[in-house]
Amino acid sequence: MEALIERLVSEQPHFHAWPDGRSANWSVASDALRFLFEQVRPSMNTLETGAGQSTAVFGIAGAHHVAITPDRPQADRIRAYLNGFGISYDVTFIHESSDLALPAGRGIPERLDIVLIDGAHRFPFPILDWHYTEPRVPVGGLVAVDDYRMPSVRILFDFLAAEKEWELITTIGATAFFRKVCMAKNTGDWSDQNINKAHLEQAGRTIGPHRGKSRAPLFLQKLMRKTRAD
């Protein structure tokens, strides 16, 4: 199967299209495709928002794969390309916007071993894609975030990079790969997230010297006392 991946990388098939119909290739970097292939084991449940050369990689690797894309002609081009290899593959396309398909959950496995977030890049789609897939990712599972340098996507990258539940494995080109290292245990809402620690500390400095006479909300005063105790 490695030979098929190298053929894919060499041929660089154009599965996308510009609004005027001209073909386009918006694939992740070739080395990111190779790394993705190395992570997939046959019969894994995998999902991506968007579709493209990465979809072919999941199919070649033998995953039970779901690709969420409203673009039916794009899906037809990917199927035709995979059929040209003469291999069996298990790729299901859901032709809806991910903000509708993911919360509905129809056709999406309960367990997702690998998730690639590479669909709509406008805010807040990357965050929604993560929000609705993350509970299905087990400890040890992977989440890949493409185009992570883009401001509307970088928010998700920065969050995952800061939180204890996620480990940044590597970045290849514009794609970041995270591994889930533990399940989230959120008991204090926003205060449990590392992304908010600086804000919490600032609130503590405001409360600290005048704690007895602070006008800060009571819940925040209690929270700061708990944080100091911990």
C-alpha atoms as a PDB file:
ATOM      1  CA  MET A   1       0.000   0.000   0.000  1.00  0.00           C
ATOM      2  CA  GLU A   2       2.976   2.307   0.510  1.00  0.00           C
ATOM      3  CA  ALA A   3       3.496   2.199  -3.256  1.00  0.00           C
ATOM      4  CA  LEU A   4      -0.043   3.504  -3.786  1.00  0.00           C
ATOM      5  CA  ILE A   5       0.617   6.381  -1.410  1.00  0.00           C
ATOM      6  CA  GLU A   6       3.757   7.276  -3.333  1.00  0.00           C
ATOM      7  CA  ARG A   7       1.766   7.105  -6.568  1.00  0.00           C
ATOM      8  CA  LEU A   8      -0.834   9.435  -5.061  1.00  0.00           C
ATOM      9  CA  VAL A   9       1.865  11.868  -3.954  1.00  0.00           C
ATOM     10  CA  SER A  10       3.517  11.708  -7.365  1.00  0.00           C
ATOM     11  CA  GLU A  11       0.340  12.156  -9.406  1.00  0.00           C
ATOM     12  CA  GLN A  12      -1.148  14.905  -7.222  1.00  0.00           C
ATOM     13  CA  PRO A  13      -4.720  14.376  -8.502  1.00  0.00           C
ATOM     14  CA  HIS A  14      -6.968  17.438  -8.495  1.00  0.00           C
ATOM     15  CA  PHE A  15     -10.108  16.614  -6.533  1.00  0.00           C
ATOM     16  CA  HIS A  16     -11.153  20.193  -5.801  1.00  0.00           C
ATOM     17  CA  ALA A  17     -12.485  22.906  -8.076  1.00  0.00           C
ATOM     18  CA  TRP A  18     -12.508  26.677  -8.170  1.00  0.00           C
ATOM     19  CA  PRO A  19     -15.903  28.431  -8.312  1.00  0.00           C
ATOM     20  CA  ASP A  20     -15.556  28.764 -12.101  1.00  0.00           C
ATOM     21  CA  GLY A  21     -15.129  25.005 -12.448  1.00  0.00           C
ATOM     22  CA  ARG A  22     -11.367  24.885 -12.998  1.00  0.00           C
ATOM     23  CA  SER A  23      -9.726  21.962 -11.209  1.00  0.00           C
ATOM     24  CA  ALA A  24      -7.675  22.645  -8.116  1.00  0.00           C
ATOM     25  CA  ASN A  25      -5.494  20.791  -5.627  1.00  0.00           C
ATOM     26  CA  TRP A  26      -5.810  21.963  -2.024  1.00  0.00           C
ATOM     27  CA  SER A  27      -4.272  18.873  -0.482  1.00  0.00           C
ATOM     28  CA  VAL A  28      -2.302  18.777   2.724  1.00  0.00           C
ATOM     29  CA  ALA A  29       1.468  18.492   2.266  1.00  0.00           C
ATOM     30  CA  SER A  30       2.841  15.251   0.830  1.00  0.00           C
ATOM     31  CA  ASP A  31       4.780  14.456   4.007  1.00  0.00           C
ATOM     32  CA  ALA A  32       1.599  15.029   6.030  1.00  0.00           C
ATOM     33  CA  LEU A  33      -0.173  12.485   3.814  1.00  0.00           C
ATOM     34  CA  ARG A  34       2.653  10.003   4.417  1.00  0.00           C
ATOM     35  CA  PHE A  35       2.527  10.598   8.173  1.00  0.00           C
ATOM     36  CA  LEU A  36      -1.265  10.187   8.176  1.00  0.00           C
ATOM     37  CA  PHE A  37      -0.931   6.875   6.328  1.00  0.00           C
ATOM     38  CA  GLU A  38       1.529   5.650   8.964  1.00  0.00           C
ATOM     39  CA  GLN A  39      -1.002   6.338  11.726  1.00  0.00           C
ATOM     40  CA  VAL A  40      -3.917   4.459  10.175  1.00  0.00           C
ATOM     41  CA  ARG A  41      -4.454   0.783  10.935  1.00  0.00           C
ATOM     42  CA  PRO A  42      -6.871  -1.368   8.946  1.00  0.00           C
ATOM     43  CA  SER A  43     -10.425  -1.285  10.313  1.00  0.00           C
ATOM     44  CA  MET A  44      -9.887   1.920  12.300  1.00  0.00           C
ATOM     45  CA  ASN A  45     -12.871   4.263  12.365  1.00  0.00           C
ATOM     46  CA  THR A  46     -11.771   7.589  10.916  1.00  0.00           C
ATOM     47  CA  LEU A  47     -13.463  10.819   9.920  1.00  0.00           C
ATOM     48  CA  GLU A  48     -12.579  14.033   8.171  1.00  0.00           C
ATOM     49  CA  THR A  49     -14.428  17.236   7.531  1.00  0.00           C
ATOM     50  CA  GLY A  50     -13.709  18.120   3.937  1.00  0.00           C
ATOM     51  CA  ALA A  51     -12.315  15.677   1.394  1.00  0.00           C
ATOM     52  CA  GLY A  52      -9.395  15.334  -0.985  1.00  0.00           C
ATOM     53  CA  GLN A  53      -6.146  13.412  -1.257  1.00  0.00           C
ATOM     54  CA  SER A  54      -6.383  12.667   2.463  1.00  0.00           C
ATOM     55  CA  THR A  55      -9.616  10.790   1.753  1.00  0.00           C
ATOM     56  CA  ALA A  56      -7.730   8.585  -0.687  1.00  0.00           C
ATOM     57  CA  VAL A  57      -5.081   7.954   1.992  1.00  0.00           C
ATOM     58  CA  PHE A  58      -7.692   6.759   4.489  1.00  0.00           C
ATOM     59  CA  GLY A  59      -9.209   4.515   1.806  1.00  0.00           C
ATOM     60  CA  ILE A  60      -5.872   3.036   0.756  1.00  0.00           C
ATOM     61  CA  ALA A  61      -4.913   2.414   4.398  1.00  0.00           C
ATOM     62  CA  GLY A  62      -8.040   0.299   4.967  1.00  0.00           C
ATOM     63  CA  ALA A  63      -9.908   2.488   7.434  1.00  0.00           C
ATOM     64  CA  HIS A  64     -13.670   2.609   7.824  1.00  0.00           C
ATOM     65  CA  HIS A  65     -13.717   6.221   6.766  1.00  0.00           C
ATOM     66  CA  VAL A  66     -16.332   8.980   6.732  1.00  0.00           C
ATOM     67  CA  ALA A  67     -15.761  12.195   4.784  1.00  0.00           C
ATOM     68  CA  ILE A  68     -18.156  15.082   5.292  1.00  0.00           C
ATOM     69  CA  THR A  69     -18.381  17.293   2.227  1.00  0.00           C
ATOM     70  CA  PRO A  70     -21.364  18.881   0.475  1.00  0.00           C
ATOM     71  CA  ASP A  71     -19.469  18.588  -2.843  1.00  0.00           C
ATOM     72  CA  ARG A  72     -20.831  15.526  -4.679  1.00  0.00           C
ATOM     73  CA  PRO A  73     -18.682  15.908  -7.837  1.00  0.00           C
ATOM     74  CA  GLN A  74     -15.618  15.998  -5.607  1.00  0.00           C
ATOM     75  CA  ALA A  75     -16.652  12.706  -4.019  1.00  0.00           C
ATOM     76  CA  ASP A  76     -17.194  11.192  -7.467  1.00  0.00           C
ATOM     77  CA  ARG A  77     -13.664  12.180  -8.513  1.00  0.00           C
ATOM     78  CA  ILE A  78     -12.185  10.598  -5.380  1.00  0.00           C
ATOM     79  CA  ARG A  79     -14.130   7.362  -5.911  1.00  0.00           C
ATOM     80  CA  ALA A  80     -13.039   7.175  -9.537  1.00  0.00           C
ATOM     81  CA  TYR A  81      -9.415   7.636  -8.530  1.00  0.00           C
ATOM     82  CA  LEU A  82      -9.573   4.935  -5.866  1.00  0.00           C
ATOM     83  CA  ASN A  83     -11.354   2.591  -8.268  1.00  0.00           C
ATOM     84  CA  GLY A  84      -8.408   2.997 -10.612  1.00  0.00           C
ATOM     85  CA  PHE A  85      -6.184   1.284  -8.051  1.00  0.00           C
ATOM     86  CA  GLY A  86      -8.302  -1.865  -8.212  1.00  0.00           C
ATOM     87  CA  ILE A  87      -8.501  -2.129  -4.423  1.00  0.00           C
ATOM     88  CA  SER A  88     -11.388  -2.516  -2.044  1.00  0.00           C
ATOM     89  CA  TYR A  89     -11.985   0.447   0.228  1.00  0.00           C
ATOM     90  CA  ASP A  90     -14.570   1.642   2.721  1.00  0.00           C
ATOM     91  CA  VAL A  91     -15.192   5.358   2.314  1.00  0.00           C
ATOM     92  CA  THR A  92     -18.584   6.894   3.043  1.00  0.00           C
ATOM     93  CA  PHE A  93     -19.401  10.450   2.017  1.00  0.00           C
ATOM     94  CA  ILE A  94     -21.931  12.535   3.928  1.00  0.00           C
ATOM     95  CA  HIS A  95     -23.078  15.341   1.662  1.00  0.00           C
ATOM     96  CA  GLU A  96     -23.968  17.970   4.240  1.00  0.00           C
ATOM     97  CA  SER A  97     -22.300  20.879   5.921  1.00  0.00           C
ATOM     98  CA  SER A  98     -20.411  19.604   8.966  1.00  0.00           C
ATOM     99  CA  ASP A  99     -22.310  21.897  11.345  1.00  0.00           C
ATOM    100  CA  LEU A 100     -25.433  19.927  10.435  1.00  0.00           C
ATOM    101  CA  ALA A 101     -24.000  16.437   9.910  1.00  0.00           C
ATOM    102  CA  LEU A 102     -21.910  16.180  13.063  1.00  0.00           C
ATOM    103  CA  PRO A 103     -24.525  17.106  15.690  1.00  0.00           C
ATOM    104  CA  ALA A 104     -27.082  14.883  13.906  1.00  0.00           C
ATOM    105  CA  GLY A 105     -24.623  12.001  14.130  1.00  0.00           C
ATOM    106  CA  ARG A 106     -26.222   9.892  11.400  1.00  0.00           C
ATOM    107  CA  GLY A 107     -23.696   7.487   9.890  1.00  0.00           C
ATOM    108  CA  ILE A 108     -20.916   8.559  12.272  1.00  0.00           C
ATOM    109  CA  PRO A 109     -19.288   5.811  14.407  1.00  0.00           C
ATOM    110  CA  GLU A 110     -19.388   6.117  18.180  1.00  0.00           C
ATOM    111  CA  ARG A 111     -15.590   5.714  18.261  1.00  0.00           C
ATOM    112  CA  LEU A 112     -13.323   7.776  16.023  1.00  0.00           C
ATOM    113  CA  ASP A 113      -9.680   6.728  16.123  1.00  0.00           C
ATOM    114  CA  ILE A 114      -8.484   9.562  13.881  1.00  0.00           C
ATOM    115  CA  VAL A 115     -10.202  12.844  13.007  1.00  0.00           C
ATOM    116  CA  LEU A 116      -8.915  15.268  10.372  1.00  0.00           C
ATOM    117  CA  ILE A 117     -10.379  18.766  10.612  1.00  0.00           C
ATOM    118  CA  ASP A 118     -10.053  20.228   7.138  1.00  0.00           C
ATOM    119  CA  GLY A 119     -13.521  21.344   6.093  1.00  0.00           C
ATOM    120  CA  ALA A 120     -14.867  24.891   6.132  1.00  0.00           C
ATOM    121  CA  HIS A 121     -12.173  27.151   7.544  1.00  0.00           C
ATOM    122  CA  ARG A 122     -14.285  30.174   8.389  1.00  0.00           C
ATOM    123  CA  PHE A 123     -14.923  30.781  12.068  1.00  0.00           C
ATOM    124  CA  PRO A 124     -16.350  28.939  13.985  1.00  0.00           C
ATOM    125  CA  PHE A 125     -16.377  25.805  11.797  1.00  0.00           C
ATOM    126  CA  PRO A 126     -13.021  24.322  12.910  1.00  0.00           C
ATOM    127  CA  ILE A 127     -14.065  24.652  16.547  1.00  0.00           C
ATOM    128  CA  LEU A 128     -17.482  23.138  15.865  1.00  0.00           C
ATOM    129  CA  ASP A 129     -15.870  20.234  13.987  1.00  0.00           C
ATOM    130  CA  TRP A 130     -13.661  19.545  17.007  1.00  0.00           C
ATOM    131  CA  HIS A 131     -16.473  20.040  19.530  1.00  0.00           C
ATOM    132  CA  TYR A 132     -18.766  17.473  17.927  1.00  0.00           C
ATOM    133  CA  THR A 133     -16.070  14.849  17.266  1.00  0.00           C
ATOM    134  CA  GLU A 134     -13.883  15.117  20.377  1.00  0.00           C
ATOM    135  CA  PRO A 135     -16.176  13.040  22.660  1.00  0.00           C
ATOM    136  CA  ARG A 136     -15.877  10.154  20.195  1.00  0.00           C
ATOM    137  CA  VAL A 137     -12.053  10.187  20.181  1.00  0.00           C
ATOM    138  CA  PRO A 138     -10.608   7.708  22.714  1.00  0.00           C
ATOM    139  CA  VAL A 139      -7.450   8.215  24.736  1.00  0.00           C
ATOM    140  CA  GLY A 140      -4.637   7.546  22.280  1.00  0.00           C
ATOM    141  CA  GLY A 141      -6.724   8.746  19.347  1.00  0.00           C
ATOM    142  CA  LEU A 142      -5.547  11.473  16.992  1.00  0.00           C
ATOM    143  CA  VAL A 143      -6.951  14.806  15.886  1.00  0.00           C
ATOM    144  CA  ALA A 144      -5.262  16.547  12.942  1.00  0.00           C
ATOM    145  CA  VAL A 145      -5.906  20.229  12.290  1.00  0.00           C
ATOM    146  CA  ASP A 146      -5.071  21.489   8.817  1.00  0.00           C
ATOM    147  CA  ASP A 147      -4.192  25.100   7.957  1.00  0.00           C
ATOM    148  CA  TYR A 148      -3.546  25.711  11.631  1.00  0.00           C
ATOM    149  CA  ARG A 149      -1.750  29.006  10.962  1.00  0.00           C
ATOM    150  CA  MET A 150      -4.951  30.601   9.640  1.00  0.00           C
ATOM    151  CA  PRO A 151      -6.412  32.894  12.338  1.00  0.00           C
ATOM    152  CA  SER A 152      -9.846  31.242  12.294  1.00  0.00           C
ATOM    153  CA  VAL A 153      -8.159  27.836  12.769  1.00  0.00           C
ATOM    154  CA  ARG A 154      -5.281  28.939  14.990  1.00  0.00           C
ATOM    155  CA  ILE A 155      -7.728  29.455  17.847  1.00  0.00           C
ATOM    156  CA  LEU A 156      -8.326  25.702  17.937  1.00  0.00           C
ATOM    157  CA  PHE A 157      -4.613  24.934  17.591  1.00  0.00           C
ATOM    158  CA  ASP A 158      -3.708  27.234  20.487  1.00  0.00           C
ATOM    159  CA  PHE A 159      -6.406  25.704  22.679  1.00  0.00           C
ATOM    160  CA  LEU A 160      -5.335  22.096  22.034  1.00  0.00           C
ATOM    161  CA  ALA A 161      -1.657  22.949  22.440  1.00  0.00           C
ATOM    162  CA  ALA A 162      -2.344  24.424  25.885  1.00  0.00           C
ATOM    163  CA  GLU A 163      -4.657  21.800  27.369  1.00  0.00           C
ATOM    164  CA  LYS A 164      -3.419  18.831  29.389  1.00  0.00           C
ATOM    165  CA  GLU A 165      -5.769  16.454  27.586  1.00  0.00           C
ATOM    166  CA  TRP A 166      -3.878  16.862  24.294  1.00  0.00           C
ATOM    167  CA  GLU A 167      -0.298  16.310  23.175  1.00  0.00           C
ATOM    168  CA  LEU A 168       1.061  17.997  20.069  1.00  0.00           C
ATOM    169  CA  ILE A 169       2.860  15.199  18.221  1.00  0.00           C
ATOM    170  CA  THR A 170       4.158  17.146  15.253  1.00  0.00           C
ATOM    171  CA  THR A 171       3.410  19.795  12.677  1.00  0.00           C
ATOM    172  CA  ILE A 172       4.017  18.994   9.019  1.00  0.00           C
ATOM    173  CA  GLY A 173       3.509  21.816   6.588  1.00  0.00           C
ATOM    174  CA  ALA A 174       0.254  23.456   7.622  1.00  0.00           C
ATOM    175  CA  THR A 175      -1.088  20.380   9.436  1.00  0.00           C
ATOM    176  CA  ALA A 176      -0.834  19.808  13.194  1.00  0.00           C
ATOM    177  CA  PHE A 177      -1.269  16.356  14.726  1.00  0.00           C
ATOM    178  CA  PHE A 178      -2.500  15.988  18.312  1.00  0.00           C
ATOM    179  CA  ARG A 179      -2.888  12.853  20.447  1.00  0.00           C
ATOM    180  CA  LYS A 180      -5.520  12.615  23.168  1.00  0.00           C
ATOM    181  CA  VAL A 181      -3.689  11.688  26.376  1.00  0.00           C
ATOM    182  CA  CYS A 182      -6.564  11.730  28.869  1.00  0.00           C
ATOM    183  CA  MET A 183     -10.254  12.414  29.115  1.00  0.00           C
ATOM    184  CA  ALA A 184     -11.369  15.902  30.089  1.00  0.00           C
ATOM    185  CA  LYS A 185     -12.477  16.311  33.708  1.00  0.00           C
ATOM    186  CA  ASN A 186     -14.094  19.699  33.754  1.00  0.00           C
ATOM    187  CA  THR A 187     -15.578  20.595  37.126  1.00  0.00           C
ATOM    188  CA  GLY A 188     -14.961  24.343  37.151  1.00  0.00           C
ATOM    189  CA  ASP A 189     -16.081  25.212  33.620  1.00  0.00           C
ATOM    190  CA  TRP A 190     -13.728  27.827  32.143  1.00  0.00           C
ATOM    191  CA  SER A 191     -11.382  27.870  35.125  1.00  0.00           C
ATOM    192  CA  ASP A 192     -10.295  24.270  34.452  1.00  0.00           C
ATOM    193  CA  GLN A 193      -8.905  25.149  31.043  1.00  0.00           C
ATOM    194  CA  ASN A 194      -5.303  26.251  30.688  1.00  0.00           C
ATOM    195  CA  ILE A 195      -6.273  28.715  27.997  1.00  0.00           C
ATOM    196  CA  ASN A 196      -8.004  30.745  30.735  1.00  0.00           C
ATOM    197  CA  LYS A 197      -5.272  30.565  33.393  1.00  0.00           C
ATOM    198  CA  ALA A 198      -3.852  34.000  32.613  1.00  0.00           C
ATOM    199  CA  HIS A 199      -7.311  35.511  32.992  1.00  0.00           C
ATOM    200  CA  LEU A 200      -7.851  33.645  36.254  1.00  0.00           C
ATOM    201  CA  GLU A 201      -4.503  34.830  37.605  1.00  0.00           C
ATOM    202  CA  GLN A 202      -5.322  38.410  36.652  1.00  0.00           C
ATOM    203  CA  ALA A 203      -8.603  38.111  38.494  1.00  0.00           C
ATOM    204  CA  GLY A 204      -6.689  36.754  41.479  1.00  0.00           C
ATOM    205  CA  ARG A 205      -4.360  39.730  41.515  1.00  0.00           C
ATOM    206  CA  THR A 206      -7.390  42.010  41.478  1.00  0.00           C
ATOM    207  CA  ILE A 207      -9.030  40.181  44.341  1.00  0.00           C
ATOM    208  CA  GLY A 208      -5.952  39.262  46.366  1.00  0.00           C
ATOM    209  CA  PRO A 209      -4.941  42.490  48.156  1.00  0.00           C
ATOM    210  CA  HIS A 210      -8.544  43.450  48.948  1.00  0.00           C
ATOM    211  CA  ARG A 211     -10.149  40.063  49.250  1.00  0.00           C
ATOM    212  CA  GLY A 212     -12.270  41.028  52.196  1.00  0.00           C
ATOM    213  CA  LYS A 213     -13.763  44.058  50.497  1.00  0.00           C
ATOM    214  CA  SER A 214     -13.684  42.813  46.926  1.00  0.00           C
ATOM    215  CA  ARG A 215     -16.555  43.598  44.638  1.00  0.00           C
ATOM    216  CA  ALA A 216     -15.766  40.512  42.569  1.00  0.00           C
ATOM    217  CA  PRO A 217     -18.621  38.021  42.329  1.00  0.00           C
ATOM    218  CA  LEU A 218     -18.799  35.611  45.234  1.00  0.00           C
ATOM    219  CA  PHE A 219     -18.296  32.581  42.982  1.00  0.00           C
ATOM    220  CA  LEU A 220     -15.016  34.079  41.719  1.00  0.00           C
ATOM    221  CA  GLN A 221     -13.765  34.747  45.246  1.00  0.00           C
ATOM    222  CA  LYS A 222     -14.522  31.132  46.177  1.00  0.00           C
ATOM    223  CA  LEU A 223     -12.845  29.941  43.003  1.00  0.00           C
ATOM    224  CA  MET A 224      -9.685  31.884  43.769  1.00  0.00           C
ATOM    225  CA  ARG A 225      -9.558  30.514  47.297  1.00  0.00           C
ATOM    226  CA  LYS A 226      -9.936  26.985  45.937  1.00  0.00           C
ATOM    227  CA  THR A 227      -7.211  27.614  43.348  1.00  0.00           C
ATOM    228  CA  ARG A 228      -4.810  28.848  46.004  1.00  0.00           C
ATOM    229  CA  ALA A 229      -5.618  25.812  48.168  1.00  0.00           C
ATOM    230  CA  ASP A 230      -4.917  23.455  45.280  1.00  0.00           C
END
